[in-house]
Amino acid sequence: VLLITQPDRWTAASMYQATRIFASNMDAKMAQRFYNILLLPRIRDDIDEYKKLNFHLYMALRKALFKPSAFFKGIILPLCEFIHVHSGESLSLCRGVRDEVFLILQPINIIWL
């Protein structure tokens, strides 16, 4: 049903609003699918075209962190699977979510040690 609304024509602000809805109202599996199918390609295209991340897409990434499992499975792991990840993409994404991801990964590092 979501694809009928043509999300490839959505503005960055509308992607943020859709991310808010999926992060707050849907379960982790549905949020992961939204992040993987719609949000991640939009972020990659935006960085590829403008060489930086749009503010609204940055806010969408921050909002996506409210479901950490969906965030890692829908954005981080698929991004790691791409062979041709440009350094600009990875730098933009790392700058965008550096502090929030650190707060999530810090307990994992403590457990790992």
C-alpha atoms as a PDB file:
ATOM      1  CA  VAL A   1       0.000   0.000   0.000  1.00  0.00           C
ATOM      2  CA  LEU A   2       2.879   2.351   0.793  1.00  0.00           C
ATOM      3  CA  LEU A   3       4.374   1.984  -2.687  1.00  0.00           C
ATOM      4  CA  ILE A   4       1.137   3.299  -4.237  1.00  0.00           C
ATOM      5  CA  THR A   5       1.985   6.724  -2.786  1.00  0.00           C
ATOM      6  CA  GLN A   6       5.204   6.791  -4.861  1.00  0.00           C
ATOM      7  CA  PRO A   7       7.778   7.312  -2.092  1.00  0.00           C
ATOM      8  CA  ASP A   8      10.496   7.991  -4.669  1.00  0.00           C
ATOM      9  CA  ARG A   9       8.784  11.356  -5.261  1.00  0.00           C
ATOM     10  CA  TRP A  10       8.571  12.280  -1.579  1.00  0.00           C
ATOM     11  CA  THR A  11      10.494  15.247  -0.281  1.00  0.00           C
ATOM     12  CA  ALA A  12      13.116  14.815   2.405  1.00  0.00           C
ATOM     13  CA  ALA A  13      10.740  16.320   4.970  1.00  0.00           C
ATOM     14  CA  SER A  14       8.044  13.792   4.102  1.00  0.00           C
ATOM     15  CA  MET A  15      10.597  10.963   4.473  1.00  0.00           C
ATOM     16  CA  TYR A  16      11.291  12.273   7.953  1.00  0.00           C
ATOM     17  CA  GLN A  17       7.597  12.268   8.804  1.00  0.00           C
ATOM     18  CA  ALA A  18       7.187   8.731   7.454  1.00  0.00           C
ATOM     19  CA  THR A  19      10.197   7.615   9.500  1.00  0.00           C
ATOM     20  CA  ARG A  20       8.601   9.124  12.594  1.00  0.00           C
ATOM     21  CA  ILE A  21       5.456   7.098  11.951  1.00  0.00           C
ATOM     22  CA  PHE A  22       7.324   3.853  11.352  1.00  0.00           C
ATOM     23  CA  ALA A  23       9.659   4.349  14.322  1.00  0.00           C
ATOM     24  CA  SER A  24       6.862   5.081  16.750  1.00  0.00           C
ATOM     25  CA  ASN A  25       3.860   3.053  15.567  1.00  0.00           C
ATOM     26  CA  MET A  26       5.170  -0.039  13.798  1.00  0.00           C
ATOM     27  CA  ASP A  27       6.945  -3.084  15.146  1.00  0.00           C
ATOM     28  CA  ALA A  28      10.664  -3.596  14.563  1.00  0.00           C
ATOM     29  CA  LYS A  29      10.178  -5.864  11.549  1.00  0.00           C
ATOM     30  CA  MET A  30       8.016  -3.363   9.665  1.00  0.00           C
ATOM     31  CA  ALA A  31      10.340  -0.503  10.584  1.00  0.00           C
ATOM     32  CA  GLN A  32      13.310  -2.525   9.338  1.00  0.00           C
ATOM     33  CA  ARG A  33      11.618  -3.113   5.995  1.00  0.00           C
ATOM     34  CA  PHE A  34      10.848   0.607   5.644  1.00  0.00           C
ATOM     35  CA  TYR A  35      14.420   1.552   6.529  1.00  0.00           C
ATOM     36  CA  ASN A  36      15.904  -1.002   4.131  1.00  0.00           C
ATOM     37  CA  ILE A  37      13.570  -0.553   1.159  1.00  0.00           C
ATOM     38  CA  LEU A  38      12.856   3.174   1.248  1.00  0.00           C
ATOM     39  CA  LEU A  39      15.020   5.156   3.652  1.00  0.00           C
ATOM     40  CA  LEU A  40      18.476   3.720   2.928  1.00  0.00           C
ATOM     41  CA  PRO A  41      18.281   4.072  -0.876  1.00  0.00           C
ATOM     42  CA  ARG A  42      16.977   7.617  -0.474  1.00  0.00           C
ATOM     43  CA  ILE A  43      19.854   8.518   1.832  1.00  0.00           C
ATOM     44  CA  ARG A  44      22.418   6.966  -0.508  1.00  0.00           C
ATOM     45  CA  ASP A  45      20.962   8.787  -3.515  1.00  0.00           C
ATOM     46  CA  ASP A  46      20.910  12.089  -1.662  1.00  0.00           C
ATOM     47  CA  ILE A  47      24.540  11.764  -0.585  1.00  0.00           C
ATOM     48  CA  ASP A  48      25.543  10.670  -4.089  1.00  0.00           C
ATOM     49  CA  GLU A  49      23.788  13.608  -5.720  1.00  0.00           C
ATOM     50  CA  TYR A  50      24.548  16.453  -3.295  1.00  0.00           C
ATOM     51  CA  LYS A  51      27.722  15.081  -1.641  1.00  0.00           C
ATOM     52  CA  LYS A  52      26.164  15.668   1.792  1.00  0.00           C
ATOM     53  CA  LEU A  53      23.201  14.513   3.814  1.00  0.00           C
ATOM     54  CA  ASN A  54      20.022  16.572   3.825  1.00  0.00           C
ATOM     55  CA  PHE A  55      18.977  17.888   7.245  1.00  0.00           C
ATOM     56  CA  HIS A  56      15.587  16.154   7.125  1.00  0.00           C
ATOM     57  CA  LEU A  57      17.166  12.838   6.170  1.00  0.00           C
ATOM     58  CA  TYR A  58      19.645  13.295   9.006  1.00  0.00           C
ATOM     59  CA  MET A  59      16.717  13.789  11.375  1.00  0.00           C
ATOM     60  CA  ALA A  60      15.093  10.676   9.877  1.00  0.00           C
ATOM     61  CA  LEU A  61      18.243   8.700  10.691  1.00  0.00           C
ATOM     62  CA  ARG A  62      18.184   9.996  14.244  1.00  0.00           C
ATOM     63  CA  LYS A  63      14.529   9.068  14.582  1.00  0.00           C
ATOM     64  CA  ALA A  64      15.260   5.619  13.129  1.00  0.00           C
ATOM     65  CA  LEU A  65      17.581   4.993  16.071  1.00  0.00           C
ATOM     66  CA  PHE A  66      14.558   4.721  18.360  1.00  0.00           C
ATOM     67  CA  LYS A  67      14.253   1.134  17.109  1.00  0.00           C
ATOM     68  CA  PRO A  68      17.905   0.005  17.398  1.00  0.00           C
ATOM     69  CA  SER A  69      17.438  -3.526  16.074  1.00  0.00           C
ATOM     70  CA  ALA A  70      15.568  -2.266  13.017  1.00  0.00           C
ATOM     71  CA  PHE A  71      18.179   0.454  12.527  1.00  0.00           C
ATOM     72  CA  PHE A  72      21.104  -1.948  12.499  1.00  0.00           C
ATOM     73  CA  LYS A  73      19.355  -4.620  10.433  1.00  0.00           C
ATOM     74  CA  GLY A  74      17.745  -2.169   8.014  1.00  0.00           C
ATOM     75  CA  ILE A  75      20.468   0.454   7.566  1.00  0.00           C
ATOM     76  CA  ILE A  76      23.865  -0.427   9.034  1.00  0.00           C
ATOM     77  CA  LEU A  77      24.160  -4.081   7.974  1.00  0.00           C
ATOM     78  CA  PRO A  78      22.872  -3.547   4.401  1.00  0.00           C
ATOM     79  CA  LEU A  79      25.213  -0.582   4.095  1.00  0.00           C
ATOM     80  CA  CYS A  80      28.121  -2.807   5.138  1.00  0.00           C
ATOM     81  CA  GLU A  81      27.113  -5.378   2.514  1.00  0.00           C
ATOM     82  CA  PHE A  82      27.475  -2.911  -0.349  1.00  0.00           C
ATOM     83  CA  ILE A  83      30.816  -3.349  -2.046  1.00  0.00           C
ATOM     84  CA  HIS A  84      30.812   0.113  -3.573  1.00  0.00           C
ATOM     85  CA  VAL A  85      30.191   2.256  -0.517  1.00  0.00           C
ATOM     86  CA  HIS A  86      31.825   5.585  -1.200  1.00  0.00           C
ATOM     87  CA  SER A  87      33.869   7.103   1.571  1.00  0.00           C
ATOM     88  CA  GLY A  88      31.690  10.213   1.361  1.00  0.00           C
ATOM     89  CA  GLU A  89      28.587   8.156   2.114  1.00  0.00           C
ATOM     90  CA  SER A  90      30.144   6.438   5.060  1.00  0.00           C
ATOM     91  CA  LEU A  91      31.562   9.701   6.427  1.00  0.00           C
ATOM     92  CA  SER A  92      28.211  11.466   6.102  1.00  0.00           C
ATOM     93  CA  LEU A  93      26.379   8.640   7.805  1.00  0.00           C
ATOM     94  CA  CYS A  94      29.003   8.353  10.529  1.00  0.00           C
ATOM     95  CA  ARG A  95      28.900  12.066  11.248  1.00  0.00           C
ATOM     96  CA  GLY A  96      25.130  11.960  11.243  1.00  0.00           C
ATOM     97  CA  VAL A  97      24.654   9.266  13.849  1.00  0.00           C
ATOM     98  CA  ARG A  98      28.037   9.064  15.570  1.00  0.00           C
ATOM     99  CA  ASP A  99      26.961  10.061  19.070  1.00  0.00           C
ATOM    100  CA  GLU A 100      23.722   8.100  19.083  1.00  0.00           C
ATOM    101  CA  VAL A 101      25.304   4.906  17.769  1.00  0.00           C
ATOM    102  CA  PHE A 102      28.110   5.234  20.315  1.00  0.00           C
ATOM    103  CA  LEU A 103      25.553   5.303  23.116  1.00  0.00           C
ATOM    104  CA  ILE A 104      24.017   2.093  21.751  1.00  0.00           C
ATOM    105  CA  LEU A 105      27.330   0.327  21.075  1.00  0.00           C
ATOM    106  CA  GLN A 106      29.012   1.226  24.364  1.00  0.00           C
ATOM    107  CA  PRO A 107      27.235  -1.488  26.416  1.00  0.00           C
ATOM    108  CA  ILE A 108      27.910  -4.014  23.647  1.00  0.00           C
ATOM    109  CA  ASN A 109      31.642  -3.248  23.789  1.00  0.00           C
ATOM    110  CA  ILE A 110      31.644  -3.683  27.564  1.00  0.00           C
ATOM    111  CA  ILE A 111      29.929  -7.060  27.272  1.00  0.00           C
ATOM    112  CA  TRP A 112      32.279  -8.120  24.437  1.00  0.00           C
ATOM    113  CA  LEU A 113      35.398  -7.460  26.522  1.00  0.00           C
END
